[in-house]
């Protein structure tokens, strides 16, 4: 069973950082997601959502970027098994 905790959130933030993305936590009435603004790689997450929601959103963003070939590196390779585990839990 995959545990959503602050340590996992930090690992996911490290994957973004390793690939040149900046993670920001902002307040507002919006869903988490990612965007690229003026050639800046930026992931914006709602800081008022619960930890599980933030981690789940980050994993989905990493999965999307990885499938597009936009992520690489050691930390990304380390997190891939967790992405597969989360996806299999969602399907079941």
Foldseek 3Di string as FASTA:
>chain_A
DDDQDPVLVVLLCVQCVVLQEHEEADADDDQWDWDQDPNHGYGYHHNPDDSVRSSVRSLVRLVVCVVVVSGDDDSSVVCVVVSVVVVVVVVD
